[in-house]
Every structure is written in structure tokens, then in C-alpha cells.
Protein backbone atom coordinates (compact mmCIF):
# COMPACT_ATOMS: atom_id res chain seq x y z
CA MET A 1 -8.82 7.16 -15.89
CA ILE A 2 -11.19 3.78 -15.44
CA LYS A 3 -12.04 5.09 -12.01
CA LYS A 4 -13.20 8.55 -13.33
CA LEU A 5 -15.40 6.97 -15.80
CA VAL A 6 -16.85 4.60 -13.17
CA LEU A 7 -17.81 7.86 -11.12
CA VAL A 8 -19.12 9.90 -14.06
CA PHE A 9 -21.38 6.87 -15.31
CA ILE A 10 -22.92 5.97 -11.81
CA ALA A 11 -23.58 9.81 -11.29
CA ILE A 12 -25.52 9.95 -14.67
CA PHE A 13 -27.54 7.00 -13.90
CA ALA A 14 -28.25 7.87 -10.39
CA ILE A 15 -29.78 10.99 -11.55
CA GLN A 16 -31.72 9.36 -14.18
CA CYS A 17 -32.88 6.60 -11.81
CA TYR A 18 -34.87 8.98 -9.81
CA ALA A 19 -36.52 10.82 -12.84
CA GLN A 20 -36.70 7.99 -15.46
CA GLN A 21 -39.86 6.58 -16.94
CA GLY A 22 -38.82 3.04 -17.58
CA THR A 23 -40.91 2.32 -20.52
CA ALA A 24 -43.21 4.20 -22.88
CA SER A 25 -45.13 1.18 -24.02
CA PRO A 26 -48.92 1.21 -24.00
CA TYR A 27 -48.62 -2.76 -23.11
CA SER A 28 -47.28 -1.70 -19.73
CA PHE A 29 -51.08 -0.78 -19.00
CA TYR A 30 -51.60 -4.47 -18.24
CA GLY A 31 -50.89 -6.33 -14.92
CA ILE A 32 -47.73 -5.06 -13.37
CA GLY A 33 -46.27 -3.65 -16.25
CA SER A 34 -43.64 -4.56 -18.92
CA LEU A 35 -41.10 -7.12 -17.70
CA LYS A 36 -37.63 -5.54 -17.95
CA PHE A 37 -34.73 -7.68 -19.51
CA LYS A 38 -32.66 -9.14 -16.59
CA GLY A 39 -29.11 -9.12 -18.10
CA THR A 40 -26.14 -7.06 -18.88
CA VAL A 41 -25.51 -5.23 -22.30
CA GLU A 42 -23.02 -8.10 -23.18
CA ASN A 43 -25.94 -10.29 -22.69
CA ARG A 44 -28.53 -8.45 -24.42
CA SER A 45 -26.18 -7.74 -27.50
CA MET A 46 -26.10 -11.77 -28.13
CA GLY A 47 -30.05 -11.90 -28.21
CA GLY A 48 -30.33 -12.41 -24.46
CA LEU A 49 -28.09 -15.33 -23.87
CA SER A 50 -27.33 -15.97 -20.29
CA ILE A 51 -25.44 -19.26 -20.60
CA LEU A 52 -21.86 -17.71 -20.61
CA ALA A 53 -20.19 -17.59 -17.24
CA ASP A 54 -16.67 -16.55 -17.10
CA SER A 55 -14.10 -14.87 -14.57
CA VAL A 56 -14.32 -11.38 -16.02
CA HIS A 57 -17.83 -10.56 -16.83
CA VAL A 58 -21.04 -10.22 -14.37
CA ASN A 59 -24.00 -12.54 -15.21
CA LEU A 60 -27.10 -11.31 -13.79
CA GLN A 61 -29.28 -14.28 -14.77
CA ASN A 62 -27.50 -17.27 -13.52
CA PRO A 63 -26.15 -17.28 -9.93
CA ALA A 64 -23.80 -20.12 -10.66
CA SER A 65 -21.41 -17.62 -12.50
CA TYR A 66 -20.40 -16.26 -9.16
CA ALA A 67 -18.13 -19.26 -8.92
CA THR A 68 -15.94 -19.86 -11.82
CA LYS A 69 -12.46 -21.14 -12.44
CA ASN A 70 -9.23 -18.99 -11.60
CA LEU A 71 -7.55 -17.21 -14.13
CA GLU A 72 -4.19 -18.22 -15.56
CA GLY A 73 -1.32 -16.06 -14.39
CA TRP A 74 -3.23 -14.64 -11.45
CA GLU A 75 -1.55 -16.72 -9.01
CA GLY A 76 -4.70 -18.83 -8.34
CA SER A 77 -7.21 -16.13 -8.16
CA ARG A 78 -9.87 -14.39 -10.13
CA PRO A 79 -10.93 -10.76 -10.25
CA VAL A 80 -13.77 -8.82 -8.33
CA LYS A 81 -16.36 -7.95 -11.03
CA PHE A 82 -18.54 -4.71 -11.32
CA ALA A 83 -21.10 -3.71 -14.08
CA VAL A 84 -23.25 -0.73 -14.28
CA GLY A 85 -25.58 -0.17 -17.42
CA GLY A 86 -28.31 1.99 -18.90
CA SER A 87 -30.43 2.29 -22.03
CA TYR A 88 -32.40 4.53 -24.26
CA SER A 89 -35.20 3.48 -26.12
CA SER A 90 -37.22 5.23 -29.23
CA ILE A 91 -40.56 3.80 -30.03
CA ASN A 92 -42.56 4.13 -32.83
CA LEU A 93 -46.41 3.43 -32.14
CA LYS A 94 -48.64 2.38 -35.12
CA SER A 95 -52.38 1.60 -35.00
CA GLU A 96 -54.89 1.18 -37.83
CA LEU A 97 -55.79 4.76 -37.40
CA SER A 98 -52.76 6.86 -36.21
CA SER A 99 -49.26 6.77 -35.21
CA GLY A 100 -47.05 8.38 -32.70
CA ASN A 101 -43.46 8.47 -30.96
CA ALA A 102 -42.18 7.82 -27.53
CA THR A 103 -38.70 7.87 -25.82
CA SER A 104 -37.44 6.57 -22.57
CA THR A 105 -34.10 6.50 -20.67
CA THR A 106 -33.40 3.93 -17.88
CA PHE A 107 -31.03 2.78 -15.49
CA ASP A 108 -30.66 -1.07 -15.95
CA TYR A 109 -28.38 -2.45 -13.43
CA LEU A 110 -25.77 -2.15 -10.80
CA ALA A 111 -24.03 -5.40 -9.82
CA LEU A 112 -20.78 -6.70 -8.12
CA SER A 113 -19.41 -10.28 -7.80
CA ILE A 114 -16.59 -11.03 -5.37
CA PRO A 115 -14.71 -14.29 -5.21
CA MET A 116 -14.20 -16.34 -2.29
CA GLY A 117 -11.93 -19.48 -2.96
CA LYS A 118 -14.50 -22.01 -4.48
CA PHE A 119 -17.29 -19.75 -3.57
CA GLY A 120 -18.53 -16.58 -5.19
CA PHE A 121 -20.72 -13.67 -3.65
CA GLY A 122 -22.91 -11.46 -5.61
CA PHE A 123 -25.40 -8.78 -5.07
CA GLY A 124 -26.87 -6.00 -7.24
CA LEU A 125 -29.92 -3.84 -8.09
CA LEU A 126 -32.10 -3.63 -11.17
CA PRO A 127 -35.57 -3.05 -12.32
CA TYR A 128 -38.01 -5.85 -12.81
CA THR A 129 -41.10 -4.28 -14.44
CA ALA A 130 -41.69 -0.86 -15.72
CA VAL A 131 -45.20 1.17 -16.24
CA GLY A 132 -45.33 4.08 -18.48
CA TYR A 133 -48.18 4.99 -20.54
CA LYS A 134 -50.54 7.91 -21.80
CA LEU A 135 -53.71 6.54 -23.49
CA GLU A 136 -56.88 7.94 -24.83
CA SER A 137 -60.09 6.22 -26.00
CA LEU A 138 -62.07 8.33 -28.69
CA LYS A 139 -65.77 9.07 -28.98
CA ASP A 140 -66.75 7.55 -32.38
CA ASN A 141 -63.17 7.80 -33.31
CA ASN A 142 -62.99 11.40 -33.14
CA PRO A 143 -59.83 12.99 -31.96
CA ASP A 144 -61.66 15.94 -30.53
CA THR A 145 -63.81 13.94 -28.21
CA PRO A 146 -62.04 11.68 -25.95
CA LEU A 147 -64.17 9.21 -23.86
CA ASN A 148 -61.49 8.15 -21.45
CA ARG A 149 -57.84 9.07 -20.62
CA PHE A 150 -55.49 6.59 -18.97
CA ARG A 151 -51.93 7.34 -17.25
CA GLY A 152 -49.66 5.03 -15.53
CA GLU A 153 -46.25 5.22 -13.94
CA GLY A 154 -43.92 3.25 -11.75
CA GLY A 155 -42.65 -0.41 -11.57
CA ILE A 156 -41.19 -2.96 -9.51
CA ASN A 157 -37.21 -2.92 -8.45
CA LYS A 158 -35.30 -6.04 -7.47
CA THR A 159 -32.22 -6.13 -5.26
CA TYR A 160 -30.64 -9.34 -4.56
CA ILE A 161 -27.82 -11.17 -2.92
CA GLY A 162 -26.51 -14.49 -3.96
CA LEU A 163 -24.03 -17.28 -3.37
CA GLY A 164 -22.28 -19.67 -6.06
CA TYR A 165 -20.06 -22.71 -5.39
CA LEU A 166 -17.47 -24.47 -7.69
CA ILE A 167 -18.41 -28.20 -7.17
CA THR A 168 -15.66 -29.24 -9.59
CA LYS A 169 -13.69 -27.81 -12.61
CA GLY A 170 -16.27 -26.72 -15.05
CA LEU A 171 -19.32 -27.32 -12.81
CA SER A 172 -20.90 -24.69 -10.40
CA ILE A 173 -24.23 -24.14 -8.74
CA GLY A 174 -25.70 -21.05 -7.12
CA VAL A 175 -28.86 -19.40 -5.52
CA ASP A 176 -29.97 -15.89 -5.42
CA ALA A 177 -32.16 -14.50 -2.69
CA GLN A 178 -34.21 -11.39 -4.04
CA TYR A 179 -36.18 -8.65 -2.69
CA ASN A 180 -38.81 -7.11 -4.90
CA PHE A 181 -40.41 -3.79 -4.27
CA GLY A 182 -41.89 -0.77 -5.79
CA ASN A 183 -45.25 0.88 -6.65
CA ILE A 184 -47.59 1.23 -9.60
CA GLN A 185 -49.59 4.38 -9.96
CA ASN A 186 -52.48 4.92 -12.37
CA SER A 187 -55.36 7.13 -13.22
CA THR A 188 -58.18 7.32 -15.27
CA ILE A 189 -60.37 10.16 -16.42
CA GLU A 190 -63.74 9.62 -17.68
CA PHE A 191 -64.98 12.60 -19.75
CA ALA A 192 -68.56 13.95 -19.84
CA TYR A 193 -70.18 16.28 -22.39
CA ASP A 194 -73.33 18.27 -22.58
CA SER A 195 -76.16 18.04 -25.26
CA ASP A 196 -73.98 20.22 -27.68
CA ASN A 197 -70.98 17.69 -27.27
CA VAL A 198 -68.92 20.42 -25.30
CA PRO A 199 -67.02 18.93 -22.37
CA VAL A 200 -68.70 19.85 -19.08
CA PHE A 201 -66.69 21.91 -16.62
CA TYR A 202 -66.17 19.20 -13.97
CA GLN A 203 -64.78 15.73 -14.71
CA SER A 204 -64.15 12.56 -12.91
CA ARG A 205 -61.02 10.87 -12.25
CA GLU A 206 -60.04 7.66 -10.45
CA THR A 207 -56.60 7.10 -9.07
CA ASN A 208 -54.99 3.81 -7.98
CA ARG A 209 -51.69 3.20 -6.22
CA SER A 210 -50.26 -0.24 -5.19
CA ASP A 211 -47.06 -0.72 -3.23
CA LEU A 212 -45.71 -3.98 -3.79
CA SER A 213 -43.03 -6.12 -1.95
CA GLY A 214 -42.05 -9.52 -1.52
CA LEU A 215 -39.24 -12.30 -1.76
CA SER A 216 -38.08 -14.59 -4.48
CA PHE A 217 -35.44 -17.12 -5.48
CA ASN A 218 -33.16 -17.88 -8.36
CA LEU A 219 -31.43 -21.14 -8.92
CA GLY A 220 -28.76 -21.83 -11.56
CA LEU A 221 -26.35 -24.33 -12.68
CA SER A 222 -23.45 -23.84 -15.02
CA TYR A 223 -21.30 -26.59 -17.04
CA ASN A 224 -18.42 -26.21 -19.45
CA THR A 225 -15.81 -28.38 -20.72
CA MET A 226 -13.20 -28.72 -23.20
CA LEU A 227 -14.23 -30.86 -26.25
CA ASN A 228 -10.74 -31.00 -27.62
CA GLU A 229 -7.83 -28.31 -27.63
CA ASN A 230 -9.62 -25.91 -29.31
CA LEU A 231 -13.46 -26.19 -28.79
CA GLU A 232 -15.41 -25.56 -25.54
CA PHE A 233 -18.89 -26.74 -24.65
CA VAL A 234 -20.93 -24.33 -22.43
CA SER A 235 -24.21 -24.92 -20.90
CA GLY A 236 -26.54 -23.43 -18.40
CA ILE A 237 -29.90 -24.00 -16.52
CA THR A 238 -31.88 -21.56 -14.18
CA TYR A 239 -35.05 -22.07 -12.48
CA THR A 240 -37.07 -19.46 -10.65
CA PRO A 241 -39.99 -20.83 -8.37
CA GLU A 242 -43.39 -19.33 -7.99
CA SER A 243 -43.63 -16.65 -5.48
CA ASN A 244 -45.86 -14.05 -3.83
CA LEU A 245 -46.02 -10.27 -3.61
CA ILE A 246 -47.81 -8.26 -1.27
CA SER A 247 -49.74 -5.51 -2.99
CA LYS A 248 -51.02 -2.85 -0.53
CA ASN A 249 -53.67 -0.79 -2.52
CA GLU A 250 -55.47 2.54 -2.36
CA ARG A 251 -58.05 3.90 -4.69
CA LEU A 252 -59.26 7.64 -4.84
CA PHE A 253 -61.97 9.27 -6.75
CA SER A 254 -61.78 13.02 -7.41
CA THR A 255 -63.72 15.82 -9.16
CA ILE A 256 -61.20 17.78 -11.29
CA VAL A 257 -61.09 20.74 -13.59
CA ILE A 258 -58.82 20.56 -16.75
CA ASN A 259 -57.30 23.45 -18.25
CA THR A 260 -58.06 23.25 -21.83
CA THR A 261 -54.61 25.11 -22.90
CA SER A 262 -52.17 23.36 -20.80
CA GLY A 263 -54.15 20.02 -19.90
CA GLN A 264 -53.29 20.72 -16.21
CA GLU A 265 -55.68 18.89 -13.89
CA SER A 266 -56.77 20.66 -10.77
CA THR A 267 -58.38 18.82 -7.83
CA ILE A 268 -61.72 20.27 -6.56
CA ASN A 269 -62.50 17.31 -3.93
CA THR A 270 -61.54 13.74 -3.22
CA ILE A 271 -62.96 10.86 -1.35
CA GLN A 272 -61.18 7.49 -0.63
CA ALA A 273 -62.77 4.30 -1.54
CA ASN A 274 -63.35 1.58 1.01
CA LEU A 275 -61.20 -1.12 -0.46
CA GLU A 276 -61.14 -3.07 3.00
CA ALA A 277 -65.03 -3.90 2.64
CA ALA A 278 -64.31 -5.17 -0.77
CA GLY A 279 -61.37 -7.36 0.20
CA LEU A 280 -58.78 -5.28 -2.04
CA GLU A 281 -57.01 -3.08 0.60
CA GLU A 282 -54.07 -5.74 0.73
CA THR A 283 -53.96 -8.46 -1.95
CA GLU A 284 -51.51 -11.15 -2.85
CA LEU A 285 -49.96 -11.32 -6.30
CA VAL A 286 -48.91 -14.63 -7.56
CA MET A 287 -45.62 -14.33 -9.65
CA PRO A 288 -45.25 -17.28 -11.73
CA SER A 289 -42.35 -19.94 -12.17
CA LYS A 290 -39.62 -19.68 -14.80
CA TYR A 291 -36.99 -21.94 -15.94
CA SER A 292 -34.22 -21.57 -18.91
CA PHE A 293 -31.62 -23.78 -20.41
CA GLY A 294 -29.29 -23.47 -23.25
CA ALA A 295 -25.97 -24.59 -24.57
CA GLY A 296 -23.31 -23.65 -27.05
CA ILE A 297 -19.74 -24.11 -28.43
CA GLY A 298 -16.70 -21.79 -29.35
CA LYS A 299 -13.07 -21.29 -28.93
CA PRO A 300 -12.01 -19.61 -25.70
CA LYS A 301 -11.13 -15.97 -26.07
CA LYS A 302 -11.76 -16.26 -29.81
CA TRP A 303 -15.64 -16.92 -30.65
CA PHE A 304 -18.90 -18.52 -29.20
CA LEU A 305 -22.21 -19.35 -30.75
CA GLY A 306 -25.24 -20.58 -28.41
CA ALA A 307 -28.81 -20.97 -28.18
CA GLU A 308 -31.32 -20.66 -25.06
CA TYR A 309 -34.70 -21.36 -24.37
CA SER A 310 -36.78 -20.03 -21.41
CA ALA A 311 -40.50 -20.19 -20.33
CA GLN A 312 -42.52 -18.71 -17.85
CA LYS A 313 -46.08 -19.75 -16.40
CA THR A 314 -47.55 -16.55 -16.73
CA SER A 315 -50.91 -18.02 -17.17
CA ASP A 316 -50.81 -18.51 -13.43
CA PHE A 317 -50.37 -14.58 -13.07
CA SER A 318 -53.14 -13.48 -10.76
CA ASN A 319 -54.23 -10.37 -8.63
CA ALA A 320 -57.71 -9.48 -7.95
CA LEU A 321 -56.90 -5.67 -8.24
CA TYR A 322 -55.27 -6.35 -11.95
CA SER A 323 -58.27 -8.20 -13.29
CA GLY A 324 -59.30 -7.67 -17.07
CA SER A 325 -56.19 -8.93 -18.76
CA THR A 326 -55.61 -12.31 -20.12
CA TYR A 327 -52.41 -14.33 -19.96
CA GLU A 328 -51.01 -17.53 -21.43
CA ASP A 329 -47.51 -19.05 -20.85
CA ALA A 330 -44.69 -16.86 -22.14
CA SER A 331 -41.62 -18.36 -23.86
CA THR A 332 -38.38 -16.76 -25.44
CA ILE A 333 -35.92 -18.29 -27.90
CA SER A 334 -32.35 -16.64 -28.37
CA VAL A 335 -29.50 -17.40 -30.63
CA GLY A 336 -26.34 -15.26 -30.48
CA GLY A 337 -22.61 -15.25 -29.80
CA PHE A 338 -19.27 -13.29 -30.30
CA TYR A 339 -16.18 -12.97 -32.08
CA ILE A 340 -12.75 -11.42 -31.02
CA PRO A 341 -10.45 -10.90 -33.76
CA LYS A 342 -6.91 -11.19 -31.42
CA TYR A 343 -7.69 -10.68 -27.63
CA ASN A 344 -3.87 -10.36 -26.91
CA ALA A 345 -2.81 -7.78 -29.60
CA PHE A 346 -0.35 -5.36 -28.58
CA ASN A 347 -1.66 -2.53 -30.38
CA GLY A 348 -4.99 -1.76 -32.15
CA ILE A 349 -8.14 -1.44 -29.82
CA PHE A 350 -10.53 -2.84 -32.43
CA LYS A 351 -8.46 -6.22 -32.69
CA ARG A 352 -8.90 -6.77 -28.99
CA SER A 353 -12.63 -5.73 -29.11
CA THR A 354 -15.45 -8.22 -28.58
CA TYR A 355 -18.01 -8.13 -31.34
CA ARG A 356 -21.73 -9.44 -30.44
CA ALA A 357 -24.86 -10.23 -32.42
CA GLY A 358 -27.95 -12.18 -31.49
CA VAL A 359 -31.55 -12.62 -32.48
CA ARG A 360 -34.67 -13.42 -30.24
CA TYR A 361 -38.24 -14.32 -30.42
CA GLU A 362 -40.60 -13.84 -27.55
CA LYS A 363 -44.22 -14.82 -26.71
CA THR A 364 -44.80 -12.03 -23.81
CA GLY A 365 -47.77 -14.09 -22.33
CA LEU A 366 -50.21 -11.16 -22.79
CA VAL A 367 -53.19 -11.85 -24.57
CA LEU A 368 -55.39 -8.97 -26.06
CA ASN A 369 -58.70 -9.19 -28.14
CA ASP A 370 -57.64 -12.96 -28.83
CA GLU A 371 -54.22 -12.04 -30.11
CA SER A 372 -50.98 -13.15 -28.58
CA ILE A 373 -48.66 -10.31 -27.84
CA LYS A 374 -45.34 -11.23 -29.49
CA GLU A 375 -41.93 -9.57 -29.70
CA PHE A 376 -39.06 -10.02 -32.05
CA GLY A 377 -35.50 -8.35 -31.75
CA ILE A 378 -32.14 -8.29 -33.54
CA SER A 379 -29.06 -7.11 -31.75
CA PHE A 380 -25.55 -6.12 -32.16
CA GLY A 381 -22.99 -4.91 -29.77
CA VAL A 382 -19.19 -4.32 -29.08
CA GLY A 383 -16.95 -4.42 -26.14
CA LEU A 384 -14.00 -1.93 -26.01
CA PRO A 385 -11.17 -2.88 -23.80
CA LEU A 386 -10.09 -0.52 -21.11
CA GLY A 387 -6.35 -0.29 -20.28
CA ASN A 388 -4.51 -3.68 -20.42
CA GLY A 389 -6.80 -5.62 -18.11
CA PHE A 390 -10.18 -7.34 -18.49
CA SER A 391 -12.34 -4.20 -18.10
CA SER A 392 -14.27 -3.09 -21.18
CA ALA A 393 -16.96 -0.40 -22.04
CA ASN A 394 -19.87 -2.06 -23.90
CA LEU A 395 -22.22 -0.63 -26.52
CA GLY A 396 -25.36 -2.23 -27.81
CA PHE A 397 -27.90 -1.64 -30.43
CA GLU A 398 -31.21 -3.66 -30.92
CA ILE A 399 -33.81 -3.21 -33.39
CA GLY A 400 -37.37 -4.85 -33.34
CA LYS A 401 -41.00 -4.90 -32.86
CA ARG A 402 -43.82 -5.83 -30.26
CA GLY A 403 -47.47 -6.33 -30.94
CA THR A 404 -49.85 -6.04 -33.93
CA THR A 405 -52.04 -3.73 -35.63
CA ASP A 406 -54.62 -6.45 -35.96
CA ASN A 407 -57.80 -6.44 -34.15
CA SER A 408 -57.40 -2.52 -33.07
CA LEU A 409 -54.09 -3.29 -31.35
CA ILE A 410 -50.80 -1.12 -31.26
CA GLN A 411 -47.56 -2.26 -32.94
CA GLU A 412 -44.32 -0.98 -31.50
CA ASN A 413 -41.29 -0.81 -33.54
CA PHE A 414 -38.44 0.19 -31.08
CA ILE A 415 -34.87 0.88 -31.37
CA ASN A 416 -32.83 0.29 -28.06
CA PHE A 417 -29.35 1.68 -27.37
CA GLN A 418 -27.45 0.36 -24.40
CA ILE A 419 -24.15 1.25 -22.59
CA SER A 420 -22.47 -0.48 -19.71
CA LEU A 421 -19.09 -0.40 -17.83
CA SER A 422 -17.81 -3.97 -16.96
CA LEU A 423 -14.65 -3.83 -14.71
CA ALA A 424 -12.71 -6.51 -13.30
CA ASP A 425 -9.85 -5.80 -10.78
CA ARG A 426 -8.05 -7.42 -7.77
CA TRP A 427 -9.07 -6.64 -4.30
CA PHE A 428 -7.59 -7.84 -0.87
CA GLN A 429 -4.06 -8.45 -2.38
CA LYS A 430 -1.21 -8.55 -0.11
CA GLN A 431 1.44 -6.02 -1.33
CA LYS A 432 5.04 -7.77 -1.55
CA PHE A 433 8.17 -5.93 -0.68
CA ARG A 434 11.76 -6.76 -1.84
């Protein structure tokens, strides 16, 4: 049954991966788009906590989690861990003058972690940033006379391979090597009108495309110890050094005709801008460094409560092609935990389920019209056990807001639904015959 669920789940999100628009946020207009949460549904349901590193759940944020202690009763071994997840977002957009709604469905991650004695090996694929917006600026606040129309799509994906090592009981370290790749496409239509304020037949459109790629690394350390018979202390630290992405850019200028009924754009002619002469054909994008640390306490297999702080030097973000937006250093504070009524109950799936909750407050690092764009979210989730092992189906729910209506900006009120499979099983086990 579990294998059938995995195949169906992968098929659904593989299809979505090709057709998805990873975000519907107007704030993805700036820079390289909106940063995607790097973590599993389990992490996200606890406000984004990444400090938990156990033997049955994948942790995408801390590579030290690949190497953990062996499970009791598993003959000195631990399982191979597999995780796949996706999400659906509904966003209400509100400004001082109007409001609207948008939705997006995304593939969030595919990851595998394999134990190798004191070592652990992991690899996976997940989105890093997402771009998806359709915006208009209006002439004298008149909805019938747009001045400009902006559209954007794309984003950056991340594939990684990592290694963790268990130094001693409760203490492990790890490193991820990450290859970032993707493209960002955007277009701007500048509307022209005649003396009677009627749109002219031919309009102008500028189209930009950037293909981005580059390497980055993520370092992690995890430590946990029993304070007494029932109480465990858990902590974790991660650090991502500054890195660079190469951006290969293209810019086109087109004369277009817009169908007034369908809105479809027909291209009449196109010329390509000489970005090489301007030194913009290939640019280097600085990806800022990031660190996080957190700690918590709990009773193993029963409950946990923790807090985490992360900071990113987004003020160092730079690329000549993406000038026009201002950044400050970003930071996030997360508080969350879980509760399991009775993990070894013989009957009653809800007794063995894991109930999660958390809250987070984030400064995104983006500054517009002298306003820092902030984000707040409250999350809940449940992990439903599959079979009699350590696998689970996870559901998550988050409500929150991003931005503000002050200074002619847009406030997003969002609802996110997440679903994932977290599977743990034995591989490479020798069969015994009697």
C-alpha cells in the first residue's frame, strides 16, 4: 500500500513540477524572486524549526542530520529515509485601492538519506526561489487606462548532495554541496494612447530572460543529550557561506498588437538589445551568507518544544541586471514543537499520530518605499502513521500575512496547505534462512 501511495504522489507532483507557477506573490517581482522555505512539511508545521535530527525523518536544512544514532531493536542500524512533498497556497492581495485573489500549487522537495555506519549520505531536489506575478500600473488611478503591465515567471531550483558524520553519541557534523540552476523571465508592456485617450494599435514590450547557475555549500552541526531519564536537550547550527551565481542574460524589444477581447499579444517585429556592449550579457549575482542556531527540550517520542533564529546578509545581494530594489539584512524567529499521545499504542491511529504547531516572524530583507517587508505565520500539522513502522503521511496548514498596505504597498493574507510522505525502511538487509 505504501509503495502505491509513493508512486501516485510522485506522479502527481512530477506533473505539477512542469506546469506549476511557484508563487503568486507580487513581491516576487524583485531580485531573483521570493525565497522558498527549505524544509519538510514536518519542519514547516512547527514554525520552520530545523533543529530536530532523528533517525526516521529527513531534515533538509541541517546536513548533520544524515548521521544519527542507530535505532533500538534494529540490530545496530537505522533506516533509509525518503521524503516527497508539495503545497497549495491561496493568497488574498489587498492595497489601499483594490483587492484580488491568487493561487499556486508547487512541488516542494524530493529527498533521500542513506545510512553508512557512522556516516550518512543525502541528496535531493527542491525549489530555491520562485517568480510569478501579473501587475499593472494605472494612469491617474484609472482602471481602464493602464500605463504598464508587468509579468514574470520562473525561479531557481537547487539539487544537493551531502555527507554527515557521527563524531560521538549525540554529536554530528555535515556538509551539503548544492548546485543552483534555473531561469527568470519577465516582460513589461508600456501602453501608449492617442489624444482621445484611446490605446494606439501598436504597443511596445520589453522581454528579459536570465539563465542562472552556480555552486553553494551548507555546513551543519547537531548535538543532543539526555538531561535526565525523561528530558532531552536538542540543538543545531547551520552556516551557508556567501556564493556567486552566473547569470546569462537576454533582452528583446518588440512591437506588439493586443487583442482587446482575449488580451492575447501578437508580435509584429523584434530586435535584440546589445547587452554585451553594456557589460550585461553575463553578470555575477552575489548570494549572501546565512546562519541559524536553535535549541529545545523534550521527552523522546512524546513531546518537544524549541526555538530557532536565522539571519541572512541580504544587504549584500547584488546584480547589475536586478538594480532598482533595496535590501536589508533578513532574519527569522521560529518557535514550535510536537506532541504524540502514545507512540506505541496497539490501536487507534490518532493516538500514534504526531501533532505539530508553531509560529514564525520574518524580516524578508526587502525594503520598498522605506517600508521593511515583514512576514508572520502560524502553522499546524499532523503526521499520520503508515503501517506499523516509522513512515507517515504529513499534513500541514499555515495562515499568515506578508507586507503592508502603507505607502502604496500590497498586503498578502495567505493560507498554505502542505502534504508529504515521509518513509523509513531497511535497505541492503541480508536475508536469514533457518
